[in-house]
């Protein structure tokens, strides 16, 4: 049993090493310019070793992608304690923006970087992504049921909310907010205030 456990631990450690290396390489030089060979060189193993753990680069990216979404989902779920669904919706939006602002590289990898989505499409479910979006859906559903926001199609409203916060974070992450010529802390506060104004327009 001890030998089996050691081998499992060593296998997991190698997977983690590959994931950590690939994450940094994807963020540093982009998905297209990162190959299995480059990842292998970075961890000082042969490409054949990586293929023992992952079938291709797409699968590595998928694991990183899911891990990042899992982190975001855990942050969002901290707001389960907020009973009022509208207040919870406001907290979700702010947490989403805070995550993107504080983790621009991961946000870029999750939402902006051009990379194959085929691996995600091949999965039965996009587990982490669906969990995060599903939480938004359930929160909005509660808002509608309790008459906390104007009546509208649930999924259309969800896309509106997601698109709004995503747009704000994307502009910030890609440094397009520099056009405002404002200090960074003032720019961030403006983002949050913009979301508050958006929510006010949703409120009944």
Protein backbone atom coordinates (compact mmCIF):
# COMPACT_ATOMS: atom_id res chain seq x y z
CA UNK A 1 0.00 0.00 0.00
CA UNK A 2 2.85 2.39 0.86
CA UNK A 3 4.44 1.87 -2.57
CA UNK A 4 1.11 2.44 -4.32
CA UNK A 5 0.46 5.61 -2.33
CA UNK A 6 3.96 6.90 -3.09
CA UNK A 7 3.48 6.30 -6.80
CA UNK A 8 0.14 8.08 -6.74
CA UNK A 9 1.69 11.01 -4.91
CA UNK A 10 4.58 11.18 -7.39
CA UNK A 11 2.12 11.04 -10.29
CA UNK A 12 0.10 13.92 -8.85
CA UNK A 13 3.25 15.92 -8.21
CA UNK A 14 4.29 15.51 -11.84
CA UNK A 15 0.84 16.57 -13.05
CA UNK A 16 1.04 19.64 -10.82
CA UNK A 17 4.51 20.45 -12.15
CA UNK A 18 3.26 20.27 -15.74
CA UNK A 19 0.19 22.38 -14.94
CA UNK A 20 2.23 25.05 -13.15
CA UNK A 21 4.72 25.28 -15.99
CA UNK A 22 2.04 25.36 -18.69
CA UNK A 23 0.06 28.02 -16.82
CA UNK A 24 3.03 30.37 -16.66
CA UNK A 25 3.98 29.71 -20.29
CA UNK A 26 0.42 30.27 -21.55
CA UNK A 27 0.23 33.53 -19.65
CA UNK A 28 3.70 34.68 -20.68
CA UNK A 29 3.78 33.85 -24.37
CA UNK A 30 0.23 32.86 -25.28
CA UNK A 31 -1.44 29.57 -26.05
CA UNK A 32 -0.45 29.32 -29.71
CA UNK A 33 3.26 29.86 -29.04
CA UNK A 34 3.40 27.31 -26.24
CA UNK A 35 4.04 23.73 -27.35
CA UNK A 36 4.37 20.45 -25.50
CA UNK A 37 8.09 20.53 -26.25
CA UNK A 38 8.44 24.01 -24.74
CA UNK A 39 6.62 22.86 -21.59
CA UNK A 40 8.85 19.77 -21.44
CA UNK A 41 11.99 21.88 -21.78
CA UNK A 42 10.77 24.16 -19.01
CA UNK A 43 10.36 21.31 -16.52
CA UNK A 44 13.44 19.51 -17.88
CA UNK A 45 11.65 16.35 -18.94
CA UNK A 46 11.03 14.81 -22.34
CA UNK A 47 7.79 15.51 -24.28
CA UNK A 48 7.06 11.78 -23.98
CA UNK A 49 6.80 12.20 -20.21
CA UNK A 50 4.10 14.84 -20.56
CA UNK A 51 2.12 12.57 -22.89
CA UNK A 52 1.97 10.04 -20.08
CA UNK A 53 -0.21 12.50 -18.18
CA UNK A 54 -2.02 14.52 -20.84
CA UNK A 55 -3.06 13.55 -24.34
CA UNK A 56 -2.32 16.99 -25.82
CA UNK A 57 -1.97 20.71 -25.12
CA UNK A 58 -5.73 21.21 -25.26
CA UNK A 59 -6.22 18.90 -22.30
CA UNK A 60 -3.61 20.77 -20.26
CA UNK A 61 -5.32 24.07 -21.04
CA UNK A 62 -8.69 22.58 -20.08
CA UNK A 63 -7.41 21.58 -16.63
CA UNK A 64 -5.95 25.05 -16.04
CA UNK A 65 -9.17 26.62 -17.28
CA UNK A 66 -11.29 24.51 -14.93
CA UNK A 67 -9.00 25.21 -11.97
CA UNK A 68 -9.31 28.96 -12.52
CA UNK A 69 -13.11 28.76 -12.76
CA UNK A 70 -13.19 26.63 -9.63
CA UNK A 71 -11.36 29.39 -7.73
CA UNK A 72 -13.84 31.98 -9.01
CA UNK A 73 -16.82 29.80 -8.14
CA UNK A 74 -15.57 29.31 -4.58
CA UNK A 75 -15.28 33.09 -4.18
CA UNK A 76 -18.81 33.59 -5.47
CA UNK A 77 -20.26 30.89 -3.20
CA UNK A 78 -19.07 32.78 -0.12
CA UNK A 79 -22.15 34.95 -0.65
CA UNK A 80 -24.56 32.10 0.12
CA UNK A 81 -25.01 33.72 3.53
CA UNK A 82 -26.68 36.81 2.00
CA UNK A 83 -30.41 36.17 2.26
CA UNK A 84 -31.64 39.06 0.10
CA UNK A 85 -31.13 37.90 -3.53
CA UNK A 86 -30.68 41.44 -4.85
CA UNK A 87 -27.97 42.16 -2.29
CA UNK A 88 -26.41 38.81 -3.18
CA UNK A 89 -26.50 39.76 -6.87
CA UNK A 90 -24.66 43.00 -6.08
CA UNK A 91 -22.06 41.08 -4.08
CA UNK A 92 -21.59 38.55 -6.90
CA UNK A 93 -20.92 41.30 -9.42
CA UNK A 94 -18.42 43.04 -7.20
CA UNK A 95 -16.65 39.77 -6.38
CA UNK A 96 -16.47 38.87 -10.07
CA UNK A 97 -14.91 42.25 -10.88
CA UNK A 98 -12.55 42.05 -7.92
CA UNK A 99 -11.40 38.60 -9.04
CA UNK A 100 -10.65 39.87 -12.56
CA UNK A 101 -8.94 43.04 -11.36
CA UNK A 102 -6.76 41.21 -8.84
CA UNK A 103 -6.02 38.25 -11.16
CA UNK A 104 -5.70 39.85 -14.61
CA UNK A 105 -3.57 37.04 -16.03
CA UNK A 106 -6.00 34.33 -14.98
CA UNK A 107 -8.94 36.40 -16.18
CA UNK A 108 -7.24 36.81 -19.53
CA UNK A 109 -6.73 33.05 -19.72
CA UNK A 110 -10.33 32.30 -18.71
CA UNK A 111 -12.23 34.80 -20.84
CA UNK A 112 -10.08 36.68 -23.32
CA UNK A 113 -7.21 34.53 -24.57
CA UNK A 114 -7.93 32.84 -27.89
CA UNK A 115 -7.51 29.12 -27.34
CA UNK A 116 -9.29 26.00 -28.59
CA UNK A 117 -12.65 25.39 -26.93
CA UNK A 118 -12.96 21.92 -28.46
CA UNK A 119 -11.85 20.20 -25.28
CA UNK A 120 -14.60 22.00 -23.37
CA UNK A 121 -17.15 21.10 -26.05
CA UNK A 122 -16.04 17.46 -25.88
CA UNK A 123 -16.82 17.26 -22.18
CA UNK A 124 -20.32 16.24 -21.15
CA UNK A 125 -20.54 19.39 -19.08
CA UNK A 126 -18.44 22.50 -18.65
CA UNK A 127 -18.51 21.87 -14.92
CA UNK A 128 -16.77 24.91 -13.42
CA UNK A 129 -18.09 27.39 -15.96
CA UNK A 130 -21.63 26.11 -15.58
CA UNK A 131 -21.39 26.29 -11.79
CA UNK A 132 -20.42 29.96 -11.85
CA UNK A 133 -23.06 30.91 -14.43
CA UNK A 134 -25.61 28.67 -12.73
CA UNK A 135 -25.11 30.58 -9.48
CA UNK A 136 -25.87 33.83 -11.29
CA UNK A 137 -28.98 32.24 -12.81
CA UNK A 138 -30.30 30.97 -9.47
CA UNK A 139 -29.67 34.35 -7.82
CA UNK A 140 -31.51 36.21 -10.58
CA UNK A 141 -34.31 33.66 -10.43
CA UNK A 142 -34.75 34.43 -6.73
CA UNK A 143 -34.72 38.16 -7.52
CA UNK A 144 -37.54 37.67 -10.02
CA UNK A 145 -39.55 35.42 -7.72
CA UNK A 146 -39.30 37.93 -4.87
CA UNK A 147 -40.08 40.86 -7.17
CA UNK A 148 -36.69 42.47 -6.48
CA UNK A 149 -35.99 43.30 -10.14
CA UNK A 150 -38.12 44.21 -13.13
CA UNK A 151 -39.81 41.30 -14.87
CA UNK A 152 -37.74 40.07 -17.82
CA UNK A 153 -36.49 36.88 -19.41
CA UNK A 154 -34.22 35.12 -16.92
CA UNK A 155 -31.48 34.11 -19.35
CA UNK A 156 -31.48 37.42 -21.20
CA UNK A 157 -31.05 39.22 -17.89
CA UNK A 158 -28.23 36.86 -16.88
CA UNK A 159 -26.38 37.55 -20.12
CA UNK A 160 -26.88 41.28 -19.62
CA UNK A 161 -25.40 41.17 -16.12
CA UNK A 162 -22.50 38.94 -17.13
CA UNK A 163 -21.75 40.97 -20.26
CA UNK A 164 -21.75 44.22 -18.31
CA UNK A 165 -19.27 43.13 -15.64
CA UNK A 166 -17.19 41.23 -18.19
CA UNK A 167 -16.94 44.33 -20.35
CA UNK A 168 -15.77 46.47 -17.43
CA UNK A 169 -13.18 43.94 -16.30
CA UNK A 170 -11.94 43.27 -19.84
CA UNK A 171 -11.36 46.96 -20.49
CA UNK A 172 -9.46 47.21 -17.22
CA UNK A 173 -7.42 44.02 -17.71
CA UNK A 174 -6.39 45.05 -21.22
CA UNK A 175 -5.47 48.52 -19.89
CA UNK A 176 -8.01 50.35 -22.04
CA UNK A 177 -9.22 52.36 -19.06
CA UNK A 178 -6.05 54.42 -19.38
CA UNK A 179 -8.05 56.64 -21.72
CA UNK A 180 -9.69 58.12 -18.62
CA UNK A 181 -6.32 59.37 -17.35
CA UNK A 182 -7.36 58.68 -13.76
CA UNK A 183 -5.40 57.19 -10.85
CA UNK A 184 -5.81 53.43 -10.65
CA UNK A 185 -7.76 53.47 -7.39
CA UNK A 186 -10.18 56.02 -8.83
CA UNK A 187 -10.60 53.90 -11.97
CA UNK A 188 -11.42 50.82 -9.93
CA UNK A 189 -13.95 52.73 -7.85
CA UNK A 190 -15.56 53.98 -11.05
CA UNK A 191 -15.94 50.38 -12.24
CA UNK A 192 -17.79 49.40 -9.08
CA UNK A 193 -19.94 52.52 -9.21
CA UNK A 194 -20.82 51.74 -12.83
CA UNK A 195 -22.03 48.30 -11.80
CA UNK A 196 -24.09 49.78 -8.97
CA UNK A 197 -25.77 52.12 -11.47
CA UNK A 198 -26.44 49.18 -13.79
CA UNK A 199 -28.10 47.27 -10.96
CA UNK A 200 -30.19 50.30 -10.04
CA UNK A 201 -31.66 50.18 -13.53
CA UNK A 202 -32.56 46.51 -13.03
CA UNK A 203 -34.26 47.12 -9.73
CA UNK A 204 -38.01 47.39 -9.72
